[in-house]
Amino acid sequence: MARHIRKGDMVIVVSGSASKRRGADGRKVRDTTPRKVMRVFPAEGKVIVEGVNVVKRHVKPSQSNQRGGITEKEMPIDISNVMPAVDGKPTRVRFETRADGSKVRLAARNGEQLGPELKKAR
């Protein structure tokens, strides 16, 4: 099945714990800033989004990392929790097969094409 999210897409996290940020008054508010997808795991149904679900890991010193210490790392979130962003707003995705045989992803909000063709015309 075709995925509605691909690497490099700008997405908005719409649900889950990663969708909310602390506001100035201490309340949790919805975060609507579009962020970039760094990696997609289609078999697990997960994505890694830049700056979302960041955890701290304690790293032991090694040959390659002589200092060790605490590093921050983005962890995967479920693919159903993100939606592509068009004009700063989340949108659903439609798939369309064109007359020449190419397959493309379209934003349901305005019909704009999302990214390059999925399948080239023959």
PDB file of N, CA and C in Angstrom:
ATOM      1  N   MET A   1       0.830  -1.183   0.000  1.00  0.00           N
ATOM      2  CA  MET A   1       0.000   0.000   0.000  1.00  0.00           C
ATOM      3  C   MET A   1       0.880   1.254   0.000  1.00  0.00           C
ATOM      4  N   ALA A   2       0.481   2.242  -0.753  1.00  0.00           N
ATOM      5  CA  ALA A   2       1.260   3.466  -0.844  1.00  0.00           C
ATOM      6  C   ALA A   2       1.157   4.254   0.461  1.00  0.00           C
ATOM      7  N   ARG A   3       2.240   4.893   0.843  1.00  0.00           N
ATOM      8  CA  ARG A   3       2.272   5.680   2.073  1.00  0.00           C
ATOM      9  C   ARG A   3       1.997   7.144   1.749  1.00  0.00           C
ATOM     10  N   HIS A   4       1.309   7.821   2.644  1.00  0.00           N
ATOM     11  CA  HIS A   4       0.981   9.222   2.421  1.00  0.00           C
ATOM     12  C   HIS A   4       2.125  10.150   2.812  1.00  0.00           C
ATOM     13  N   ILE A   5       3.160   9.619   3.473  1.00  0.00           N
ATOM     14  CA  ILE A   5       4.313  10.405   3.916  1.00  0.00           C
ATOM     15  C   ILE A   5       5.576   9.830   3.288  1.00  0.00           C
ATOM     16  N   ARG A   6       6.450  10.715   2.817  1.00  0.00           N
ATOM     17  CA  ARG A   6       7.733  10.296   2.272  1.00  0.00           C
ATOM     18  C   ARG A   6       8.849  11.134   2.901  1.00  0.00           C
ATOM     19  N   LYS A   7      10.071  10.639   2.784  1.00  0.00           N
ATOM     20  CA  LYS A   7      11.237  11.341   3.317  1.00  0.00           C
ATOM     21  C   LYS A   7      11.342  12.730   2.670  1.00  0.00           C
ATOM     22  N   GLY A   8      11.596  13.746   3.502  1.00  0.00           N
ATOM     23  CA  GLY A   8      11.742  15.108   3.005  1.00  0.00           C
ATOM     24  C   GLY A   8      10.461  15.920   3.024  1.00  0.00           C
ATOM     25  N   ASP A   9       9.308  15.282   3.274  1.00  0.00           N
ATOM     26  CA  ASP A   9       8.040  16.009   3.343  1.00  0.00           C
ATOM     27  C   ASP A   9       8.013  16.927   4.558  1.00  0.00           C
ATOM     28  N   MET A  10       7.281  18.022   4.437  1.00  0.00           N
ATOM     29  CA  MET A  10       7.011  18.900   5.568  1.00  0.00           C
ATOM     30  C   MET A  10       5.684  18.442   6.165  1.00  0.00           C
ATOM     31  N   VAL A  11       5.687  18.101   7.467  1.00  0.00           N
ATOM     32  CA  VAL A  11       4.497  17.552   8.110  1.00  0.00           C
ATOM     33  C   VAL A  11       4.181  18.305   9.394  1.00  0.00           C
ATOM     34  N   ILE A  12       2.929  18.136   9.846  1.00  0.00           N
ATOM     35  CA  ILE A  12       2.497  18.657  11.136  1.00  0.00           C
ATOM     36  C   ILE A  12       2.075  17.464  11.975  1.00  0.00           C
ATOM     37  N   VAL A  13       2.550  17.402  13.218  1.00  0.00           N
ATOM     38  CA  VAL A  13       2.162  16.326  14.127  1.00  0.00           C
ATOM     39  C   VAL A  13       0.781  16.677  14.664  1.00  0.00           C
ATOM     40  N   VAL A  14      -0.217  15.828  14.377  1.00  0.00           N
ATOM     41  CA  VAL A  14      -1.601  16.165  14.700  1.00  0.00           C
ATOM     42  C   VAL A  14      -2.136  15.451  15.935  1.00  0.00           C
ATOM     43  N   SER A  15      -1.488  14.386  16.387  1.00  0.00           N
ATOM     44  CA  SER A  15      -1.970  13.703  17.587  1.00  0.00           C
ATOM     45  C   SER A  15      -0.814  13.050  18.313  1.00  0.00           C
ATOM     46  N   GLY A  16      -1.094  12.597  19.525  1.00  0.00           N
ATOM     47  CA  GLY A  16      -0.064  11.980  20.341  1.00  0.00           C
ATOM     48  C   GLY A  16       0.619  13.001  21.233  1.00  0.00           C
ATOM     49  N   SER A  17       1.518  12.521  22.069  1.00  0.00           N
ATOM     50  CA  SER A  17       2.185  13.400  23.027  1.00  0.00           C
ATOM     51  C   SER A  17       3.100  14.398  22.336  1.00  0.00           C
ATOM     52  N   ALA A  18       3.592  14.088  21.139  1.00  0.00           N
ATOM     53  CA  ALA A  18       4.509  14.982  20.435  1.00  0.00           C
ATOM     54  C   ALA A  18       3.782  16.139  19.765  1.00  0.00           C
ATOM     55  N   SER A  19       2.436  16.141  19.772  1.00  0.00           N
ATOM     56  CA  SER A  19       1.695  17.203  19.089  1.00  0.00           C
ATOM     57  C   SER A  19       1.528  18.438  19.955  1.00  0.00           C
ATOM     58  N   LYS A  20       1.864  18.355  21.232  1.00  0.00           N
ATOM     59  CA  LYS A  20       1.646  19.483  22.142  1.00  0.00           C
ATOM     60  C   LYS A  20       2.976  19.996  22.690  1.00  0.00           C
ATOM     61  N   ARG A  21       3.062  21.299  22.858  1.00  0.00           N
ATOM     62  CA  ARG A  21       4.242  21.937  23.432  1.00  0.00           C
ATOM     63  C   ARG A  21       3.803  22.799  24.599  1.00  0.00           C
ATOM     64  N   ARG A  22       4.708  23.087  25.500  1.00  0.00           N
ATOM     65  CA  ARG A  22       4.393  23.964  26.638  1.00  0.00           C
ATOM     66  C   ARG A  22       4.331  25.400  26.155  1.00  0.00           C
ATOM     67  N   GLY A  23       3.249  26.052  26.503  1.00  0.00           N
ATOM     68  CA  GLY A  23       3.096  27.466  26.176  1.00  0.00           C
ATOM     69  C   GLY A  23       3.788  28.327  27.215  1.00  0.00           C
ATOM     70  N   ALA A  24       3.757  29.638  27.042  1.00  0.00           N
ATOM     71  CA  ALA A  24       4.409  30.564  27.960  1.00  0.00           C
ATOM     72  C   ALA A  24       3.778  30.512  29.343  1.00  0.00           C
ATOM     73  N   ASP A  25       2.472  30.225  29.406  1.00  0.00           N
ATOM     74  CA  ASP A  25       1.786  30.194  30.696  1.00  0.00           C
ATOM     75  C   ASP A  25       1.835  28.811  31.349  1.00  0.00           C
ATOM     76  N   GLY A  26       2.540  27.860  30.747  1.00  0.00           N
ATOM     77  CA  GLY A  26       2.696  26.539  31.342  1.00  0.00           C
ATOM     78  C   GLY A  26       1.696  25.509  30.844  1.00  0.00           C
ATOM     79  N   ARG A  27       0.651  25.948  30.118  1.00  0.00           N
ATOM     80  CA  ARG A  27      -0.325  25.002  29.587  1.00  0.00           C
ATOM     81  C   ARG A  27       0.234  24.320  28.340  1.00  0.00           C
ATOM     82  N   LYS A  28      -0.301  23.140  28.048  1.00  0.00           N
ATOM     83  CA  LYS A  28       0.093  22.467  26.814  1.00  0.00           C
ATOM     84  C   LYS A  28      -0.782  22.984  25.678  1.00  0.00           C
ATOM     85  N   VAL A  29      -0.148  23.418  24.606  1.00  0.00           N
ATOM     86  CA  VAL A  29      -0.864  23.931  23.446  1.00  0.00           C
ATOM     87  C   VAL A  29      -0.441  23.150  22.208  1.00  0.00           C
ATOM     88  N   ARG A  30      -1.333  23.093  21.218  1.00  0.00           N
ATOM     89  CA  ARG A  30      -1.034  22.360  19.982  1.00  0.00           C
ATOM     90  C   ARG A  30       0.073  23.061  19.206  1.00  0.00           C
ATOM     91  N   ASP A  31       1.052  22.298  18.771  1.00  0.00           N
ATOM     92  CA  ASP A  31       2.177  22.812  18.007  1.00  0.00           C
ATOM     93  C   ASP A  31       1.853  22.631  16.523  1.00  0.00           C
ATOM     94  N   THR A  32       1.729  23.726  15.774  1.00  0.00           N
ATOM     95  CA  THR A  32       1.342  23.635  14.370  1.00  0.00           C
ATOM     96  C   THR A  32       2.470  24.034  13.427  1.00  0.00           C
ATOM     97  N   THR A  33       3.717  23.955  13.897  1.00  0.00           N
ATOM     98  CA  THR A  33       4.826  24.300  13.008  1.00  0.00           C
ATOM     99  C   THR A  33       5.165  23.106  12.132  1.00  0.00           C
ATOM    100  N   PRO A  34       5.245  23.311  10.806  1.00  0.00           N
ATOM    101  CA  PRO A  34       5.629  22.207   9.917  1.00  0.00           C
ATOM    102  C   PRO A  34       7.079  21.801  10.167  1.00  0.00           C
ATOM    103  N   ARG A  35       7.316  20.500  10.165  1.00  0.00           N
ATOM    104  CA  ARG A  35       8.659  19.964  10.386  1.00  0.00           C
ATOM    105  C   ARG A  35       8.985  18.943   9.304  1.00  0.00           C
ATOM    106  N   LYS A  36      10.276  18.698   9.103  1.00  0.00           N
ATOM    107  CA  LYS A  36      10.745  17.835   8.020  1.00  0.00           C
ATOM    108  C   LYS A  36      10.828  16.376   8.461  1.00  0.00           C
ATOM    109  N   VAL A  37      10.397  15.462   7.576  1.00  0.00           N
ATOM    110  CA  VAL A  37      10.515  14.025   7.825  1.00  0.00           C
ATOM    111  C   VAL A  37      11.931  13.611   7.451  1.00  0.00           C
ATOM    112  N   MET A  38      12.633  13.011   8.403  1.00  0.00           N
ATOM    113  CA  MET A  38      14.010  12.617   8.168  1.00  0.00           C
ATOM    114  C   MET A  38      14.120  11.177   7.669  1.00  0.00           C
ATOM    115  N   ARG A  39      13.204  10.310   8.128  1.00  0.00           N
ATOM    116  CA  ARG A  39      13.285   8.898   7.758  1.00  0.00           C
ATOM    117  C   ARG A  39      11.918   8.255   7.914  1.00  0.00           C
ATOM    118  N   VAL A  40      11.603   7.292   7.052  1.00  0.00           N
ATOM    119  CA  VAL A  40      10.324   6.571   7.099  1.00  0.00           C
ATOM    120  C   VAL A  40      10.624   5.086   7.245  1.00  0.00           C
ATOM    121  N   PHE A  41       9.899   4.424   8.167  1.00  0.00           N
ATOM    122  CA  PHE A  41       9.999   2.978   8.356  1.00  0.00           C
ATOM    123  C   PHE A  41       8.659   2.360   7.937  1.00  0.00           C
ATOM    124  N   PRO A  42       8.474   2.011   6.654  1.00  0.00           N
ATOM    125  CA  PRO A  42       7.166   1.541   6.205  1.00  0.00           C
ATOM    126  C   PRO A  42       6.734   0.218   6.842  1.00  0.00           C
ATOM    127  N   ALA A  43       7.652  -0.663   7.131  1.00  0.00           N
ATOM    128  CA  ALA A  43       7.285  -1.960   7.718  1.00  0.00           C
ATOM    129  C   ALA A  43       6.709  -1.794   9.121  1.00  0.00           C
ATOM    130  N   GLU A  44       7.260  -0.858   9.895  1.00  0.00           N
ATOM    131  CA  GLU A  44       6.782  -0.623  11.255  1.00  0.00           C
ATOM    132  C   GLU A  44       5.680   0.428  11.305  1.00  0.00           C
ATOM    133  N   GLY A  45       5.495   1.187  10.211  1.00  0.00           N
ATOM    134  CA  GLY A  45       4.502   2.251  10.201  1.00  0.00           C
ATOM    135  C   GLY A  45       4.926   3.429  11.060  1.00  0.00           C
ATOM    136  N   LYS A  46       6.220   3.760  11.043  1.00  0.00           N
ATOM    137  CA  LYS A  46       6.741   4.839  11.871  1.00  0.00           C
ATOM    138  C   LYS A  46       7.562   5.810  11.026  1.00  0.00           C
ATOM    139  N   VAL A  47       7.715   7.037  11.548  1.00  0.00           N
ATOM    140  CA  VAL A  47       8.543   8.059  10.903  1.00  0.00           C
ATOM    141  C   VAL A  47       9.374   8.775  11.960  1.00  0.00           C
ATOM    142  N   ILE A  48      10.517   9.302  11.528  1.00  0.00           N
ATOM    143  CA  ILE A  48      11.326  10.154  12.384  1.00  0.00           C
ATOM    144  C   ILE A  48      11.178  11.568  11.839  1.00  0.00           C
ATOM    145  N   VAL A  49      10.698  12.481  12.703  1.00  0.00           N
ATOM    146  CA  VAL A  49      10.459  13.862  12.317  1.00  0.00           C
ATOM    147  C   VAL A  49      11.449  14.744  13.070  1.00  0.00           C
ATOM    148  N   GLU A  50      12.030  15.698  12.359  1.00  0.00           N
ATOM    149  CA  GLU A  50      13.048  16.578  12.922  1.00  0.00           C
ATOM    150  C   GLU A  50      12.504  17.376  14.106  1.00  0.00           C
ATOM    151  N   GLY A  51      13.158  17.249  15.272  1.00  0.00           N
ATOM    152  CA  GLY A  51      12.797  18.011  16.455  1.00  0.00           C
ATOM    153  C   GLY A  51      11.595  17.502  17.216  1.00  0.00           C
ATOM    154  N   VAL A  52      11.090  16.322  16.882  1.00  0.00           N
ATOM    155  CA  VAL A  52       9.909  15.757  17.544  1.00  0.00           C
ATOM    156  C   VAL A  52      10.298  14.466  18.240  1.00  0.00           C
ATOM    157  N   ASN A  53       9.768  14.235  19.435  1.00  0.00           N
ATOM    158  CA  ASN A  53      10.039  13.033  20.231  1.00  0.00           C
ATOM    159  C   ASN A  53      11.537  12.876  20.492  1.00  0.00           C
ATOM    160  N   VAL A  54      12.162  13.938  20.968  1.00  0.00           N
ATOM    161  CA  VAL A  54      13.599  13.939  21.245  1.00  0.00           C
ATOM    162  C   VAL A  54      13.833  13.369  22.642  1.00  0.00           C
ATOM    163  N   VAL A  55      14.723  12.383  22.725  1.00  0.00           N
ATOM    164  CA  VAL A  55      15.063  11.769  24.002  1.00  0.00           C
ATOM    165  C   VAL A  55      16.555  11.941  24.255  1.00  0.00           C
ATOM    166  N   LYS A  56      16.952  11.831  25.521  1.00  0.00           N
ATOM    167  CA  LYS A  56      18.365  11.925  25.882  1.00  0.00           C
ATOM    168  C   LYS A  56      18.907  10.528  26.108  1.00  0.00           C
ATOM    169  N   ARG A  57      20.074  10.265  25.577  1.00  0.00           N
ATOM    170  CA  ARG A  57      20.724   8.967  25.721  1.00  0.00           C
ATOM    171  C   ARG A  57      22.096   9.174  26.355  1.00  0.00           C
ATOM    172  N   HIS A  58      22.410   8.340  27.333  1.00  0.00           N
ATOM    173  CA  HIS A  58      23.721   8.381  27.961  1.00  0.00           C
ATOM    174  C   HIS A  58      24.653   7.480  27.156  1.00  0.00           C
ATOM    175  N   VAL A  59      25.731   8.071  26.624  1.00  0.00           N
ATOM    176  CA  VAL A  59      26.641   7.356  25.736  1.00  0.00           C
ATOM    177  C   VAL A  59      27.981   7.160  26.428  1.00  0.00           C
ATOM    178  N   LYS A  60      28.418   5.920  26.425  1.00  0.00           N
ATOM    179  CA  LYS A  60      29.705   5.576  27.027  1.00  0.00           C
ATOM    180  C   LYS A  60      30.840   5.995  26.084  1.00  0.00           C
ATOM    181  N   PRO A  61      31.958   6.450  26.603  1.00  0.00           N
ATOM    182  CA  PRO A  61      33.080   6.789  25.719  1.00  0.00           C
ATOM    183  C   PRO A  61      33.547   5.570  24.924  1.00  0.00           C
ATOM    184  N   SER A  62      33.903   5.798  23.658  1.00  0.00           N
ATOM    185  CA  SER A  62      34.374   4.715  22.796  1.00  0.00           C
ATOM    186  C   SER A  62      35.471   5.263  21.887  1.00  0.00           C
ATOM    187  N   GLN A  63      35.985   4.429  20.990  1.00  0.00           N
ATOM    188  CA  GLN A  63      37.032   4.866  20.065  1.00  0.00           C
ATOM    189  C   GLN A  63      36.522   6.004  19.174  1.00  0.00           C
ATOM    190  N   SER A  64      35.310   5.865  18.677  1.00  0.00           N
ATOM    191  CA  SER A  64      34.778   6.883  17.764  1.00  0.00           C
ATOM    192  C   SER A  64      34.255   8.114  18.511  1.00  0.00           C
ATOM    193  N   ASN A  65      33.742   7.916  19.727  1.00  0.00           N
ATOM    194  CA  ASN A  65      33.214   9.021  20.530  1.00  0.00           C
ATOM    195  C   ASN A  65      33.968   9.022  21.859  1.00  0.00           C
ATOM    196  N   GLN A  66      35.107   9.676  21.882  1.00  0.00           N
ATOM    197  CA  GLN A  66      35.987   9.592  23.046  1.00  0.00           C
ATOM    198  C   GLN A  66      35.451  10.343  24.258  1.00  0.00           C
ATOM    199  N   ARG A  67      34.593  11.306  24.037  1.00  0.00           N
ATOM    200  CA  ARG A  67      34.070  12.097  25.132  1.00  0.00           C
ATOM    201  C   ARG A  67      32.890  11.438  25.838  1.00  0.00           C
ATOM    202  N   GLY A  68      32.045  10.752  25.086  1.00  0.00           N
ATOM    203  CA  GLY A  68      30.860  10.163  25.695  1.00  0.00           C
ATOM    204  C   GLY A  68      29.894  11.254  26.115  1.00  0.00           C
ATOM    205  N   GLY A  69      29.112  11.012  27.158  1.00  0.00           N
ATOM    206  CA  GLY A  69      28.210  12.026  27.688  1.00  0.00           C
ATOM    207  C   GLY A  69      26.761  11.778  27.315  1.00  0.00           C
ATOM    208  N   ILE A  70      25.977  12.837  27.354  1.00  0.00           N
ATOM    209  CA  ILE A  70      24.544  12.739  27.081  1.00  0.00           C
ATOM    210  C   ILE A  70      24.256  13.334  25.704  1.00  0.00           C
ATOM    211  N   THR A  71      23.627  12.547  24.829  1.00  0.00           N
ATOM    212  CA  THR A  71      23.276  13.025  23.497  1.00  0.00           C
ATOM    213  C   THR A  71      21.762  13.040  23.344  1.00  0.00           C
ATOM    214  N   GLU A  72      21.261  13.926  22.476  1.00  0.00           N
ATOM    215  CA  GLU A  72      19.836  13.975  22.180  1.00  0.00           C
ATOM    216  C   GLU A  72      19.601  13.308  20.835  1.00  0.00           C
ATOM    217  N   LYS A  73      18.513  12.540  20.761  1.00  0.00           N
ATOM    218  CA  LYS A  73      18.247  11.738  19.571  1.00  0.00           C
ATOM    219  C   LYS A  73      16.743  11.739  19.296  1.00  0.00           C
ATOM    220  N   GLU A  74      16.359  11.909  18.013  1.00  0.00           N
ATOM    221  CA  GLU A  74      14.951  11.827  17.651  1.00  0.00           C
ATOM    222  C   GLU A  74      14.546  10.362  17.550  1.00  0.00           C
ATOM    223  N   MET A  75      13.407  10.032  18.126  1.00  0.00           N
ATOM    224  CA  MET A  75      12.894   8.670  18.083  1.00  0.00           C
ATOM    225  C   MET A  75      11.672   8.623  17.175  1.00  0.00           C
ATOM    226  N   PRO A  76      11.334   7.437  16.654  1.00  0.00           N
ATOM    227  CA  PRO A  76      10.200   7.335  15.735  1.00  0.00           C
ATOM    228  C   PRO A  76       8.862   7.578  16.421  1.00  0.00           C
ATOM    229  N   ILE A  77       7.915   8.115  15.644  1.00  0.00           N
ATOM    230  CA  ILE A  77       6.527   8.230  16.077  1.00  0.00           C
ATOM    231  C   ILE A  77       5.665   7.539  15.030  1.00  0.00           C
ATOM    232  N   ASP A  78       4.425   7.231  15.367  1.00  0.00           N
ATOM    233  CA  ASP A  78       3.552   6.521  14.440  1.00  0.00           C
ATOM    234  C   ASP A  78       3.212   7.391  13.240  1.00  0.00           C
ATOM    235  N   ILE A  79       3.171   6.776  12.071  1.00  0.00           N
ATOM    236  CA  ILE A  79       2.930   7.512  10.829  1.00  0.00           C
ATOM    237  C   ILE A  79       1.525   8.107  10.783  1.00  0.00           C
ATOM    238  N   SER A  80       0.598   7.518  11.552  1.00  0.00           N
ATOM    239  CA  SER A  80      -0.771   8.032  11.562  1.00  0.00           C
ATOM    240  C   SER A  80      -0.890   9.329  12.358  1.00  0.00           C
ATOM    241  N   ASN A  81       0.135   9.692  13.109  1.00  0.00           N
ATOM    242  CA  ASN A  81       0.105  10.910  13.920  1.00  0.00           C
ATOM    243  C   ASN A  81       0.582  12.145  13.165  1.00  0.00           C
ATOM    244  N   VAL A  82       0.993  12.000  11.907  1.00  0.00           N
ATOM    245  CA  VAL A  82       1.468  13.144  11.130  1.00  0.00           C
ATOM    246  C   VAL A  82       0.653  13.294   9.847  1.00  0.00           C
ATOM    247  N   MET A  83       0.535  14.548   9.394  1.00  0.00           N
ATOM    248  CA  MET A  83      -0.142  14.857   8.140  1.00  0.00           C
ATOM    249  C   MET A  83       0.723  15.835   7.365  1.00  0.00           C
ATOM    250  N   PRO A  84       0.755  15.724   6.041  1.00  0.00           N
ATOM    251  CA  PRO A  84       1.526  16.687   5.245  1.00  0.00           C
ATOM    252  C   PRO A  84       0.998  18.101   5.441  1.00  0.00           C
ATOM    253  N   ALA A  85       1.893  19.076   5.379  1.00  0.00           N
ATOM    254  CA  ALA A  85       1.514  20.480   5.554  1.00  0.00           C
ATOM    255  C   ALA A  85       1.483  21.172   4.196  1.00  0.00           C
ATOM    256  N   VAL A  86       0.367  21.853   3.928  1.00  0.00           N
ATOM    257  CA  VAL A  86       0.227  22.672   2.729  1.00  0.00           C
ATOM    258  C   VAL A  86      -0.223  24.047   3.194  1.00  0.00           C
ATOM    259  N   ASP A  87       0.538  25.077   2.874  1.00  0.00           N
ATOM    260  CA  ASP A  87       0.260  26.441   3.318  1.00  0.00           C
ATOM    261  C   ASP A  87       0.165  26.530   4.839  1.00  0.00           C
ATOM    262  N   GLY A  88       0.963  25.728   5.546  1.00  0.00           N
ATOM    263  CA  GLY A  88       1.003  25.765   7.002  1.00  0.00           C
ATOM    264  C   GLY A  88      -0.148  25.065   7.692  1.00  0.00           C
ATOM    265  N   LYS A  89      -0.991  24.341   6.937  1.00  0.00           N
ATOM    266  CA  LYS A  89      -2.122  23.627   7.517  1.00  0.00           C
ATOM    267  C   LYS A  89      -2.056  22.157   7.124  1.00  0.00           C
ATOM    268  N   PRO A  90      -2.512  21.253   8.008  1.00  0.00           N
ATOM    269  CA  PRO A  90      -2.481  19.831   7.673  1.00  0.00           C
ATOM    270  C   PRO A  90      -3.508  19.483   6.599  1.00  0.00           C
ATOM    271  N   THR A  91      -3.182  18.483   5.780  1.00  0.00           N
ATOM    272  CA  THR A  91      -4.079  18.044   4.722  1.00  0.00           C
ATOM    273  C   THR A  91      -4.029  16.531   4.570  1.00  0.00           C
ATOM    274  N   ARG A  92      -5.124  15.964   4.093  1.00  0.00           N
ATOM    275  CA  ARG A  92      -5.135  14.547   3.745  1.00  0.00           C
ATOM    276  C   ARG A  92      -4.504  14.398   2.366  1.00  0.00           C
ATOM    277  N   VAL A  93      -4.241  13.142   1.974  1.00  0.00           N
ATOM    278  CA  VAL A  93      -3.549  12.882   0.718  1.00  0.00           C
ATOM    279  C   VAL A  93      -4.416  11.997  -0.178  1.00  0.00           C
ATOM    280  N   ARG A  94      -4.491  12.384  -1.447  1.00  0.00           N
ATOM    281  CA  ARG A  94      -5.147  11.557  -2.460  1.00  0.00           C
ATOM    282  C   ARG A  94      -4.077  11.052  -3.404  1.00  0.00           C
ATOM    283  N   PHE A  95      -4.309   9.880  -3.966  1.00  0.00           N
ATOM    284  CA  PHE A  95      -3.418   9.337  -4.977  1.00  0.00           C
ATOM    285  C   PHE A  95      -4.158   9.360  -6.298  1.00  0.00           C
ATOM    286  N   GLU A  96      -3.469   9.778  -7.356  1.00  0.00           N
ATOM    287  CA  GLU A  96      -4.099   9.869  -8.663  1.00  0.00           C
ATOM    288  C   GLU A  96      -3.189   9.253  -9.711  1.00  0.00           C
ATOM    289  N   THR A  97      -3.781   8.472 -10.599  1.00  0.00           N
ATOM    290  CA  THR A  97      -3.048   7.936 -11.736  1.00  0.00           C
ATOM    291  C   THR A  97      -3.408   8.790 -12.935  1.00  0.00           C
ATOM    292  N   ARG A  98      -2.421   9.399 -13.530  1.00  0.00           N
ATOM    293  CA  ARG A  98      -2.649  10.306 -14.657  1.00  0.00           C
ATOM    294  C   ARG A  98      -2.854   9.506 -15.943  1.00  0.00           C
ATOM    295  N   ALA A  99      -3.255  10.183 -17.005  1.00  0.00           N
ATOM    296  CA  ALA A  99      -3.539   9.532 -18.291  1.00  0.00           C
ATOM    297  C   ALA A  99      -2.295   8.877 -18.892  1.00  0.00           C
ATOM    298  N   ASP A 100      -1.116   9.465 -18.619  1.00  0.00           N
ATOM    299  CA  ASP A 100       0.122   8.891 -19.172  1.00  0.00           C
ATOM    300  C   ASP A 100       0.645   7.709 -18.355  1.00  0.00           C
ATOM    301  N   GLY A 101      -0.042   7.341 -17.261  1.00  0.00           N
ATOM    302  CA  GLY A 101       0.345   6.188 -16.451  1.00  0.00           C
ATOM    303  C   GLY A 101       1.150   6.527 -15.221  1.00  0.00           C
ATOM    304  N   SER A 102       1.498   7.796 -15.020  1.00  0.00           N
ATOM    305  CA  SER A 102       2.266   8.174 -13.834  1.00  0.00           C
ATOM    306  C   SER A 102       1.327   8.295 -12.639  1.00  0.00           C
ATOM    307  N   LYS A 103       1.849   8.008 -11.449  1.00  0.00           N
ATOM    308  CA  LYS A 103       1.075   8.069 -10.215  1.00  0.00           C
ATOM    309  C   LYS A 103       1.651   9.185  -9.353  1.00  0.00           C
ATOM    310  N   VAL A 104       0.775  10.055  -8.804  1.00  0.00           N
ATOM    311  CA  VAL A 104       1.211  11.199  -8.004  1.00  0.00           C
ATOM    312  C   VAL A 104       0.394  11.285  -6.729  1.00  0.00           C
ATOM    313  N   ARG A 105       0.974  11.987  -5.722  1.00  0.00           N
ATOM    314  CA  ARG A 105       0.254  12.295  -4.482  1.00  0.00           C
ATOM    315  C   ARG A 105      -0.267  13.716  -4.591  1.00  0.00           C
ATOM    316  N   LEU A 106      -1.539  13.920  -4.227  1.00  0.00           N
ATOM    317  CA  LEU A 106      -2.156  15.237  -4.276  1.00  0.00           C
ATOM    318  C   LEU A 106      -2.677  15.614  -2.901  1.00  0.00           C
ATOM    319  N   ALA A 107      -2.572  16.894  -2.547  1.00  0.00           N
ATOM    320  CA  ALA A 107      -3.127  17.396  -1.299  1.00  0.00           C
ATOM    321  C   ALA A 107      -4.632  17.518  -1.463  1.00  0.00           C
ATOM    322  N   ALA A 108      -5.400  16.966  -0.528  1.00  0.00           N
ATOM    323  CA  ALA A 108      -6.856  17.040  -0.605  1.00  0.00           C
ATOM    324  C   ALA A 108      -7.339  18.462  -0.378  1.00  0.00           C
ATOM    325  N   ARG A 109      -6.555  19.281   0.307  1.00  0.00           N
ATOM    326  CA  ARG A 109      -6.954  20.651   0.636  1.00  0.00           C
ATOM    327  C   ARG A 109      -7.093  21.520  -0.611  1.00  0.00           C
ATOM    328  N   ASN A 110      -6.099  21.445  -1.528  1.00  0.00           N
ATOM    329  CA  ASN A 110      -6.139  22.336  -2.692  1.00  0.00           C
ATOM    330  C   ASN A 110      -5.753  21.652  -4.006  1.00  0.00           C
ATOM    331  N   GLY A 111      -5.518  20.360  -3.999  1.00  0.00           N
ATOM    332  CA  GLY A 111      -5.177  19.642  -5.229  1.00  0.00           C
ATOM    333  C   GLY A 111      -3.733  19.804  -5.673  1.00  0.00           C
ATOM    334  N   GLU A 112      -2.905  20.419  -4.851  1.00  0.00           N
ATOM    335  CA  GLU A 112      -1.493  20.625  -5.175  1.00  0.00           C
ATOM    336  C   GLU A 112      -0.738  19.302  -5.131  1.00  0.00           C
ATOM    337  N   GLN A 113       0.220  19.123  -6.043  1.00  0.00           N
ATOM    338  CA  GLN A 113       1.015  17.897  -6.066  1.00  0.00           C
ATOM    339  C   GLN A 113       2.031  17.925  -4.938  1.00  0.00           C
ATOM    340  N   LEU A 114       2.157  16.793  -4.223  1.00  0.00           N
ATOM    341  CA  LEU A 114       3.106  16.673  -3.119  1.00  0.00           C
ATOM    342  C   LEU A 114       4.304  15.866  -3.593  1.00  0.00           C
ATOM    343  N   GLY A 115       5.435  16.502  -3.736  1.00  0.00           N
ATOM    344  CA  GLY A 115       6.658  15.819  -4.106  1.00  0.00           C
ATOM    345  C   GLY A 115       6.667  15.343  -5.544  1.00  0.00           C
ATOM    346  N   PRO A 116       7.693  14.543  -5.907  1.00  0.00           N
ATOM    347  CA  PRO A 116       7.795  14.047  -7.290  1.00  0.00           C
ATOM    348  C   PRO A 116       6.811  12.903  -7.532  1.00  0.00           C
ATOM    349  N   GLU A 117       6.774  12.452  -8.793  1.00  0.00           N
ATOM    350  CA  GLU A 117       5.904  11.326  -9.153  1.00  0.00           C
ATOM    351  C   GLU A 117       6.340  10.081  -8.400  1.00  0.00           C
ATOM    352  N   LEU A 118       5.353   9.245  -8.022  1.00  0.00           N
ATOM    353  CA  LEU A 118       5.656   7.979  -7.363  1.00  0.00           C
ATOM    354  C   LEU A 118       6.040   6.919  -8.369  1.00  0.00           C
ATOM    355  N   LYS A 119       5.353   6.919  -9.500  1.00  0.00           N
ATOM    356  CA  LYS A 119       5.606   5.941 -10.539  1.00  0.00           C
ATOM    357  C   LYS A 119       5.705   6.688 -11.861  1.00  0.00           C
ATOM    358  N   LYS A 120       6.757   6.466 -12.583  1.00  0.00           N
ATOM    359  CA  LYS A 120       6.969   7.150 -13.848  1.00  0.00           C
ATOM    360  C   LYS A 120       6.058   6.577 -14.930  1.00  0.00           C
ATOM    361  N   ALA A 121       5.777   7.404 -15.916  1.00  0.00           N
ATOM    362  CA  ALA A 121       4.966   6.953 -17.057  1.00  0.00           C
ATOM    363  C   ALA A 121       5.794   6.018 -17.910  1.00  0.00           C
ATOM    364  N   ARG A 122       5.138   5.058 -18.532  1.00  0.00           N
ATOM    365  CA  ARG A 122       5.868   4.106 -19.392  1.00  0.00           C
ATOM    366  C   ARG A 122       5.869   4.556 -20.830  1.00  0.00           C
TER     367      ARG A 122
END
